[in-house]
Amino acid sequence: MKSTNRMTVAAYQAGDRIQVRSDVTTPMPMPGDIGTVREVVPCYGDNTVGYNVQIDGDSRASRVWFFLQHQLLPFPARRAAVKEAS
């Protein structure tokens, strides 16, 4: 990845609904792939943006999962993809 001095612009804000991409793996199984952004986290070393996300249906309601911007899609992603194909 080419390094630049420019920071990637955050695509999502706190409160936005997201979907975790299906190709993302985590150290432990996630309770689902849909959630809500709780916090935007600038990742200056990688010139990207990360997000603390609360996943719907998580038995530990206070737990957040960290994802980089390229690992997320806007929700409802499936419906948006269908509209683009039309």
PDB file of N, CA and C in Angstrom:
ATOM      1  N   MET A   1       0.844  -1.186   0.000  1.00  0.00           N
ATOM      2  CA  MET A   1       0.000   0.000   0.000  1.00  0.00           C
ATOM      3  C   MET A   1       0.885   1.242   0.000  1.00  0.00           C
ATOM      4  N   LYS A   2       0.612   2.127  -0.879  1.00  0.00           N
ATOM      5  CA  LYS A   2       1.397   3.345  -0.995  1.00  0.00           C
ATOM      6  C   LYS A   2       1.078   4.288   0.162  1.00  0.00           C
ATOM      7  N   SER A   3       2.113   4.789   0.789  1.00  0.00           N
ATOM      8  CA  SER A   3       1.933   5.696   1.919  1.00  0.00           C
ATOM      9  C   SER A   3       1.846   7.139   1.427  1.00  0.00           C
ATOM     10  N   THR A   4       0.895   7.869   1.966  1.00  0.00           N
ATOM     11  CA  THR A   4       0.758   9.285   1.653  1.00  0.00           C
ATOM     12  C   THR A   4       0.583  10.047   2.951  1.00  0.00           C
ATOM     13  N   ASN A   5       0.650  11.351   2.869  1.00  0.00           N
ATOM     14  CA  ASN A   5       0.443  12.181   4.051  1.00  0.00           C
ATOM     15  C   ASN A   5      -1.027  12.510   4.257  1.00  0.00           C
ATOM     16  N   ARG A   6      -1.887  12.051   3.366  1.00  0.00           N
ATOM     17  CA  ARG A   6      -3.307  12.368   3.464  1.00  0.00           C
ATOM     18  C   ARG A   6      -4.036  11.270   4.221  1.00  0.00           C
ATOM     19  N   MET A   7      -4.927  11.680   5.070  1.00  0.00           N
ATOM     20  CA  MET A   7      -5.736  10.749   5.843  1.00  0.00           C
ATOM     21  C   MET A   7      -6.987  10.394   5.056  1.00  0.00           C
ATOM     22  N   THR A   8      -7.363   9.127   5.067  1.00  0.00           N
ATOM     23  CA  THR A   8      -8.609   8.706   4.436  1.00  0.00           C
ATOM     24  C   THR A   8      -9.779   9.351   5.165  1.00  0.00           C
ATOM     25  N   VAL A   9     -10.755   9.807   4.422  1.00  0.00           N
ATOM     26  CA  VAL A   9     -11.941  10.438   5.004  1.00  0.00           C
ATOM     27  C   VAL A   9     -12.863   9.356   5.555  1.00  0.00           C
ATOM     28  N   ALA A  10     -13.407   9.597   6.725  1.00  0.00           N
ATOM     29  CA  ALA A  10     -14.317   8.634   7.352  1.00  0.00           C
ATOM     30  C   ALA A  10     -15.594   8.501   6.528  1.00  0.00           C
ATOM     31  N   ALA A  11     -15.919   7.274   6.149  1.00  0.00           N
ATOM     32  CA  ALA A  11     -17.129   7.011   5.365  1.00  0.00           C
ATOM     33  C   ALA A  11     -18.356   6.891   6.257  1.00  0.00           C
ATOM     34  N   TYR A  12     -18.143   6.592   7.533  1.00  0.00           N
ATOM     35  CA  TYR A  12     -19.248   6.381   8.467  1.00  0.00           C
ATOM     36  C   TYR A  12     -19.046   7.252   9.695  1.00  0.00           C
ATOM     37  N   GLN A  13     -20.125   7.546  10.366  1.00  0.00           N
ATOM     38  CA  GLN A  13     -20.098   8.338  11.598  1.00  0.00           C
ATOM     39  C   GLN A  13     -20.772   7.539  12.706  1.00  0.00           C
ATOM     40  N   ALA A  14     -20.564   7.948  13.946  1.00  0.00           N
ATOM     41  CA  ALA A  14     -21.209   7.281  15.078  1.00  0.00           C
ATOM     42  C   ALA A  14     -22.715   7.254  14.851  1.00  0.00           C
ATOM     43  N   GLY A  15     -23.303   6.086  15.062  1.00  0.00           N
ATOM     44  CA  GLY A  15     -24.734   5.904  14.861  1.00  0.00           C
ATOM     45  C   GLY A  15     -25.104   5.307  13.517  1.00  0.00           C
ATOM     46  N   ASP A  16     -24.171   5.299  12.553  1.00  0.00           N
ATOM     47  CA  ASP A  16     -24.454   4.716  11.235  1.00  0.00           C
ATOM     48  C   ASP A  16     -24.572   3.202  11.333  1.00  0.00           C
ATOM     49  N   ARG A  17     -25.485   2.634  10.557  1.00  0.00           N
ATOM     50  CA  ARG A  17     -25.653   1.184  10.477  1.00  0.00           C
ATOM     51  C   ARG A  17     -24.714   0.654   9.397  1.00  0.00           C
ATOM     52  N   ILE A  18     -24.012  -0.447   9.713  1.00  0.00           N
ATOM     53  CA  ILE A  18     -23.044  -1.020   8.782  1.00  0.00           C
ATOM     54  C   ILE A  18     -23.223  -2.534   8.690  1.00  0.00           C
ATOM     55  N   GLN A  19     -22.578  -3.099   7.679  1.00  0.00           N
ATOM     56  CA  GLN A  19     -22.492  -4.548   7.543  1.00  0.00           C
ATOM     57  C   GLN A  19     -21.020  -4.895   7.397  1.00  0.00           C
ATOM     58  N   VAL A  20     -20.557  -5.913   8.126  1.00  0.00           N
ATOM     59  CA  VAL A  20     -19.181  -6.377   8.009  1.00  0.00           C
ATOM     60  C   VAL A  20     -19.095  -7.235   6.749  1.00  0.00           C
ATOM     61  N   ARG A  21     -18.075  -6.986   5.944  1.00  0.00           N
ATOM     62  CA  ARG A  21     -17.905  -7.751   4.701  1.00  0.00           C
ATOM     63  C   ARG A  21     -17.809  -9.245   5.010  1.00  0.00           C
ATOM     64  N   SER A  22     -18.312 -10.070   4.137  1.00  0.00           N
ATOM     65  CA  SER A  22     -18.348 -11.520   4.371  1.00  0.00           C
ATOM     66  C   SER A  22     -16.964 -12.163   4.373  1.00  0.00           C
ATOM     67  N   ASP A  23     -15.962 -11.517   3.780  1.00  0.00           N
ATOM     68  CA  ASP A  23     -14.618 -12.093   3.743  1.00  0.00           C
ATOM     69  C   ASP A  23     -13.758 -11.714   4.951  1.00  0.00           C
ATOM     70  N   VAL A  24     -14.315 -10.978   5.908  1.00  0.00           N
ATOM     71  CA  VAL A  24     -13.573 -10.561   7.104  1.00  0.00           C
ATOM     72  C   VAL A  24     -13.583 -11.697   8.126  1.00  0.00           C
ATOM     73  N   THR A  25     -12.394 -12.016   8.643  1.00  0.00           N
ATOM     74  CA  THR A  25     -12.295 -13.024   9.698  1.00  0.00           C
ATOM     75  C   THR A  25     -11.907 -12.346  11.005  1.00  0.00           C
ATOM     76  N   THR A  26     -12.354 -12.918  12.113  1.00  0.00           N
ATOM     77  CA  THR A  26     -12.059 -12.379  13.439  1.00  0.00           C
ATOM     78  C   THR A  26     -11.516 -13.503  14.314  1.00  0.00           C
ATOM     79  N   PRO A  27     -10.752 -13.172  15.374  1.00  0.00           N
ATOM     80  CA  PRO A  27     -10.182 -14.206  16.243  1.00  0.00           C
ATOM     81  C   PRO A  27     -11.239 -15.105  16.893  1.00  0.00           C
ATOM     82  N   MET A  28     -12.405 -14.555  17.141  1.00  0.00           N
ATOM     83  CA  MET A  28     -13.510 -15.362  17.670  1.00  0.00           C
ATOM     84  C   MET A  28     -14.747 -15.056  16.845  1.00  0.00           C
ATOM     85  N   PRO A  29     -15.680 -15.993  16.780  1.00  0.00           N
ATOM     86  CA  PRO A  29     -16.860 -15.784  15.931  1.00  0.00           C
ATOM     87  C   PRO A  29     -17.676 -14.564  16.352  1.00  0.00           C
ATOM     88  N   MET A  30     -18.111 -13.805  15.362  1.00  0.00           N
ATOM     89  CA  MET A  30     -18.989 -12.667  15.634  1.00  0.00           C
ATOM     90  C   MET A  30     -20.422 -13.171  15.751  1.00  0.00           C
ATOM     91  N   PRO A  31     -21.237 -12.505  16.561  1.00  0.00           N
ATOM     92  CA  PRO A  31     -22.631 -12.920  16.699  1.00  0.00           C
ATOM     93  C   PRO A  31     -23.487 -12.576  15.478  1.00  0.00           C
ATOM     94  N   GLY A  32     -22.961 -11.820  14.560  1.00  0.00           N
ATOM     95  CA  GLY A  32     -23.689 -11.428  13.353  1.00  0.00           C
ATOM     96  C   GLY A  32     -22.804 -10.548  12.501  1.00  0.00           C
ATOM     97  N   ASP A  33     -23.349 -10.019  11.412  1.00  0.00           N
ATOM     98  CA  ASP A  33     -22.542  -9.162  10.540  1.00  0.00           C
ATOM     99  C   ASP A  33     -23.124  -7.764  10.375  1.00  0.00           C
ATOM    100  N   ILE A  34     -24.181  -7.450  11.123  1.00  0.00           N
ATOM    101  CA  ILE A  34     -24.808  -6.131  11.073  1.00  0.00           C
ATOM    102  C   ILE A  34     -24.590  -5.443  12.413  1.00  0.00           C
ATOM    103  N   GLY A  35     -24.278  -4.143  12.376  1.00  0.00           N
ATOM    104  CA  GLY A  35     -24.062  -3.427  13.625  1.00  0.00           C
ATOM    105  C   GLY A  35     -24.174  -1.925  13.469  1.00  0.00           C
ATOM    106  N   THR A  36     -23.783  -1.242  14.542  1.00  0.00           N
ATOM    107  CA  THR A  36     -23.857   0.213  14.613  1.00  0.00           C
ATOM    108  C   THR A  36     -22.490   0.769  14.989  1.00  0.00           C
ATOM    109  N   VAL A  37     -22.030   1.785  14.256  1.00  0.00           N
ATOM    110  CA  VAL A  37     -20.763   2.444  14.575  1.00  0.00           C
ATOM    111  C   VAL A  37     -20.924   3.181  15.897  1.00  0.00           C
ATOM    112  N   ARG A  38     -20.035   2.916  16.843  1.00  0.00           N
ATOM    113  CA  ARG A  38     -20.050   3.597  18.138  1.00  0.00           C
ATOM    114  C   ARG A  38     -18.997   4.701  18.208  1.00  0.00           C
ATOM    115  N   GLU A  39     -17.875   4.501  17.496  1.00  0.00           N
ATOM    116  CA  GLU A  39     -16.782   5.480  17.564  1.00  0.00           C
ATOM    117  C   GLU A  39     -15.940   5.396  16.295  1.00  0.00           C
ATOM    118  N   VAL A  40     -15.526   6.546  15.795  1.00  0.00           N
ATOM    119  CA  VAL A  40     -14.616   6.635  14.651  1.00  0.00           C
ATOM    120  C   VAL A  40     -13.204   6.783  15.210  1.00  0.00           C
ATOM    121  N   VAL A  41     -12.266   5.945  14.722  1.00  0.00           N
ATOM    122  CA  VAL A  41     -10.906   5.916  15.255  1.00  0.00           C
ATOM    123  C   VAL A  41      -9.912   6.179  14.122  1.00  0.00           C
ATOM    124  N   PRO A  42      -9.294   7.371  14.074  1.00  0.00           N
ATOM    125  CA  PRO A  42      -8.277   7.625  13.045  1.00  0.00           C
ATOM    126  C   PRO A  42      -7.074   6.698  13.255  1.00  0.00           C
ATOM    127  N   CYS A  43      -6.578   6.093  12.190  1.00  0.00           N
ATOM    128  CA  CYS A  43      -5.404   5.215  12.236  1.00  0.00           C
ATOM    129  C   CYS A  43      -4.295   5.906  11.443  1.00  0.00           C
ATOM    130  N   TYR A  44      -3.585   6.795  12.100  1.00  0.00           N
ATOM    131  CA  TYR A  44      -2.611   7.640  11.417  1.00  0.00           C
ATOM    132  C   TYR A  44      -1.469   6.855  10.790  1.00  0.00           C
ATOM    133  N   GLY A  45      -1.030   5.785  11.423  1.00  0.00           N
ATOM    134  CA  GLY A  45       0.073   4.990  10.889  1.00  0.00           C
ATOM    135  C   GLY A  45      -0.240   4.367   9.544  1.00  0.00           C
ATOM    136  N   ASP A  46      -1.509   4.020   9.331  1.00  0.00           N
ATOM    137  CA  ASP A  46      -1.927   3.393   8.079  1.00  0.00           C
ATOM    138  C   ASP A  46      -2.667   4.352   7.158  1.00  0.00           C
ATOM    139  N   ASN A  47      -2.804   5.602   7.562  1.00  0.00           N
ATOM    140  CA  ASN A  47      -3.550   6.598   6.786  1.00  0.00           C
ATOM    141  C   ASN A  47      -4.948   6.105   6.431  1.00  0.00           C
ATOM    142  N   THR A  48      -5.613   5.524   7.388  1.00  0.00           N
ATOM    143  CA  THR A  48      -6.969   5.029   7.168  1.00  0.00           C
ATOM    144  C   THR A  48      -7.820   5.339   8.394  1.00  0.00           C
ATOM    145  N   VAL A  49      -9.022   4.827   8.403  1.00  0.00           N
ATOM    146  CA  VAL A  49      -9.949   5.067   9.502  1.00  0.00           C
ATOM    147  C   VAL A  49     -10.438   3.722  10.016  1.00  0.00           C
ATOM    148  N   GLY A  50     -10.531   3.612  11.327  1.00  0.00           N
ATOM    149  CA  GLY A  50     -11.093   2.418  11.949  1.00  0.00           C
ATOM    150  C   GLY A  50     -12.379   2.779  12.666  1.00  0.00           C
ATOM    151  N   TYR A  51     -13.123   1.761  13.027  1.00  0.00           N
ATOM    152  CA  TYR A  51     -14.414   1.980  13.679  1.00  0.00           C
ATOM    153  C   TYR A  51     -14.615   0.971  14.794  1.00  0.00           C
ATOM    154  N   ASN A  52     -15.080   1.446  15.941  1.00  0.00           N
ATOM    155  CA  ASN A  52     -15.563   0.566  16.992  1.00  0.00           C
ATOM    156  C   ASN A  52     -17.038   0.349  16.711  1.00  0.00           C
ATOM    157  N   VAL A  53     -17.426  -0.912  16.555  1.00  0.00           N
ATOM    158  CA  VAL A  53     -18.777  -1.276  16.123  1.00  0.00           C
ATOM    159  C   VAL A  53     -19.416  -2.199  17.149  1.00  0.00           C
ATOM    160  N   GLN A  54     -20.655  -1.922  17.483  1.00  0.00           N
ATOM    161  CA  GLN A  54     -21.440  -2.832  18.317  1.00  0.00           C
ATOM    162  C   GLN A  54     -22.266  -3.702  17.373  1.00  0.00           C
ATOM    163  N   ILE A  55     -22.068  -5.022  17.456  1.00  0.00           N
ATOM    164  CA  ILE A  55     -22.749  -5.967  16.569  1.00  0.00           C
ATOM    165  C   ILE A  55     -24.117  -6.320  17.142  1.00  0.00           C
ATOM    166  N   ASP A  56     -25.132  -6.299  16.291  1.00  0.00           N
ATOM    167  CA  ASP A  56     -26.489  -6.667  16.707  1.00  0.00           C
ATOM    168  C   ASP A  56     -26.508  -8.098  17.237  1.00  0.00           C
ATOM    169  N   GLY A  57     -27.227  -8.313  18.328  1.00  0.00           N
ATOM    170  CA  GLY A  57     -27.400  -9.651  18.877  1.00  0.00           C
ATOM    171  C   GLY A  57     -26.249 -10.141  19.729  1.00  0.00           C
ATOM    172  N   ASP A  58     -25.248  -9.301  19.992  1.00  0.00           N
ATOM    173  CA  ASP A  58     -24.115  -9.710  20.825  1.00  0.00           C
ATOM    174  C   ASP A  58     -24.601  -9.913  22.256  1.00  0.00           C
ATOM    175  N   SER A  59     -24.275 -11.061  22.848  1.00  0.00           N
ATOM    176  CA  SER A  59     -24.709 -11.348  24.221  1.00  0.00           C
ATOM    177  C   SER A  59     -24.022 -10.435  25.235  1.00  0.00           C
ATOM    178  N   ARG A  60     -22.887  -9.861  24.865  1.00  0.00           N
ATOM    179  CA  ARG A  60     -22.213  -8.872  25.718  1.00  0.00           C
ATOM    180  C   ARG A  60     -22.503  -7.497  25.124  1.00  0.00           C
ATOM    181  N   ALA A  61     -23.545  -6.876  25.609  1.00  0.00           N
ATOM    182  CA  ALA A  61     -24.043  -5.623  25.018  1.00  0.00           C
ATOM    183  C   ALA A  61     -23.015  -4.493  25.018  1.00  0.00           C
ATOM    184  N   SER A  62     -22.058  -4.513  25.939  1.00  0.00           N
ATOM    185  CA  SER A  62     -21.073  -3.426  26.009  1.00  0.00           C
ATOM    186  C   SER A  62     -19.851  -3.682  25.118  1.00  0.00           C
ATOM    187  N   ARG A  63     -19.753  -4.855  24.510  1.00  0.00           N
ATOM    188  CA  ARG A  63     -18.583  -5.189  23.686  1.00  0.00           C
ATOM    189  C   ARG A  63     -18.636  -4.434  22.359  1.00  0.00           C
ATOM    190  N   VAL A  64     -17.478  -3.941  21.927  1.00  0.00           N
ATOM    191  CA  VAL A  64     -17.350  -3.352  20.595  1.00  0.00           C
ATOM    192  C   VAL A  64     -16.276  -4.121  19.834  1.00  0.00           C
ATOM    193  N   TRP A  65     -16.425  -4.158  18.542  1.00  0.00           N
ATOM    194  CA  TRP A  65     -15.495  -4.824  17.641  1.00  0.00           C
ATOM    195  C   TRP A  65     -14.825  -3.744  16.801  1.00  0.00           C
ATOM    196  N   PHE A  66     -13.522  -3.895  16.548  1.00  0.00           N
ATOM    197  CA  PHE A  66     -12.784  -2.910  15.763  1.00  0.00           C
ATOM    198  C   PHE A  66     -12.623  -3.412  14.331  1.00  0.00           C
ATOM    199  N   PHE A  67     -12.951  -2.542  13.381  1.00  0.00           N
ATOM    200  CA  PHE A  67     -12.789  -2.857  11.959  1.00  0.00           C
ATOM    201  C   PHE A  67     -12.186  -1.657  11.247  1.00  0.00           C
ATOM    202  N   LEU A  68     -11.418  -1.934  10.201  1.00  0.00           N
ATOM    203  CA  LEU A  68     -10.927  -0.874   9.331  1.00  0.00           C
ATOM    204  C   LEU A  68     -11.999  -0.568   8.287  1.00  0.00           C
ATOM    205  N   GLN A  69     -11.900   0.621   7.714  1.00  0.00           N
ATOM    206  CA  GLN A  69     -12.935   1.092   6.797  1.00  0.00           C
ATOM    207  C   GLN A  69     -13.191   0.127   5.638  1.00  0.00           C
ATOM    208  N   HIS A  70     -12.147  -0.463   5.074  1.00  0.00           N
ATOM    209  CA  HIS A  70     -12.328  -1.350   3.914  1.00  0.00           C
ATOM    210  C   HIS A  70     -13.021  -2.667   4.278  1.00  0.00           C
ATOM    211  N   GLN A  71     -13.190  -2.946   5.568  1.00  0.00           N
ATOM    212  CA  GLN A  71     -13.850  -4.176   6.003  1.00  0.00           C
ATOM    213  C   GLN A  71     -15.358  -4.008   6.182  1.00  0.00           C
ATOM    214  N   LEU A  72     -15.858  -2.800   5.973  1.00  0.00           N
ATOM    215  CA  LEU A  72     -17.271  -2.512   6.221  1.00  0.00           C
ATOM    216  C   LEU A  72     -17.997  -2.082   4.953  1.00  0.00           C
ATOM    217  N   LEU A  73     -19.299  -2.300   4.967  1.00  0.00           N
ATOM    218  CA  LEU A  73     -20.193  -1.853   3.900  1.00  0.00           C
ATOM    219  C   LEU A  73     -21.353  -1.104   4.541  1.00  0.00           C
ATOM    220  N   PRO A  74     -21.949  -0.169   3.822  1.00  0.00           N
ATOM    221  CA  PRO A  74     -23.144   0.477   4.378  1.00  0.00           C
ATOM    222  C   PRO A  74     -24.278  -0.540   4.470  1.00  0.00           C
ATOM    223  N   PHE A  75     -25.121  -0.403   5.463  1.00  0.00           N
ATOM    224  CA  PHE A  75     -26.281  -1.300   5.591  1.00  0.00           C
ATOM    225  C   PHE A  75     -27.515  -0.554   5.148  1.00  0.00           C
ATOM    226  N   PRO A  76     -28.373  -1.106   4.358  1.00  0.00           N
ATOM    227  CA  PRO A  76     -28.389  -2.493   3.867  1.00  0.00           C
ATOM    228  C   PRO A  76     -27.574  -2.647   2.583  1.00  0.00           C
ATOM    229  N   ALA A  77     -26.440  -3.291   2.668  1.00  0.00           N
ATOM    230  CA  ALA A  77     -25.532  -3.442   1.529  1.00  0.00           C
ATOM    231  C   ALA A  77     -26.123  -4.316   0.440  1.00  0.00           C
ATOM    232  N   ARG A  78     -26.826  -5.358   0.820  1.00  0.00           N
ATOM    233  CA  ARG A  78     -27.374  -6.271  -0.189  1.00  0.00           C
ATOM    234  C   ARG A  78     -28.395  -5.561  -1.068  1.00  0.00           C
ATOM    235  N   ARG A  79     -29.244  -4.758  -0.457  1.00  0.00           N
ATOM    236  CA  ARG A  79     -30.248  -4.023  -1.228  1.00  0.00           C
ATOM    237  C   ARG A  79     -29.583  -3.000  -2.139  1.00  0.00           C
ATOM    238  N   ALA A  80     -28.550  -2.314  -1.640  1.00  0.00           N
ATOM    239  CA  ALA A  80     -27.847  -1.306  -2.440  1.00  0.00           C
ATOM    240  C   ALA A  80     -27.176  -1.967  -3.645  1.00  0.00           C
ATOM    241  N   ALA A  81     -26.582  -3.144  -3.448  1.00  0.00           N
ATOM    242  CA  ALA A  81     -25.915  -3.842  -4.545  1.00  0.00           C
ATOM    243  C   ALA A  81     -26.922  -4.259  -5.614  1.00  0.00           C
ATOM    244  N   VAL A  82     -28.108  -4.663  -5.207  1.00  0.00           N
ATOM    245  CA  VAL A  82     -29.148  -5.054  -6.159  1.00  0.00           C
ATOM    246  C   VAL A  82     -29.596  -3.853  -6.979  1.00  0.00           C
ATOM    247  N   LYS A  83     -29.751  -2.692  -6.345  1.00  0.00           N
ATOM    248  CA  LYS A  83     -30.167  -1.485  -7.058  1.00  0.00           C
ATOM    249  C   LYS A  83     -29.132  -1.075  -8.096  1.00  0.00           C
ATOM    250  N   GLU A  84     -27.824  -1.196  -7.753  1.00  0.00           N
ATOM    251  CA  GLU A  84     -26.766  -0.818  -8.680  1.00  0.00           C
ATOM    252  C   GLU A  84     -26.752  -1.735  -9.895  1.00  0.00           C
ATOM    253  N   ALA A  85     -27.088  -2.997  -9.712  1.00  0.00           N
ATOM    254  CA  ALA A  85     -27.072  -3.959 -10.811  1.00  0.00           C
ATOM    255  C   ALA A  85     -28.216  -3.714 -11.794  1.00  0.00           C
ATOM    256  N   SER A  86     -29.274  -3.062 -11.351  1.00  0.00           N
ATOM    257  CA  SER A  86     -30.447  -2.814 -12.215  1.00  0.00           C
ATOM    258  C   SER A  86     -30.173  -1.753 -13.252  1.00  0.00           C
TER     259      SER A  86
END
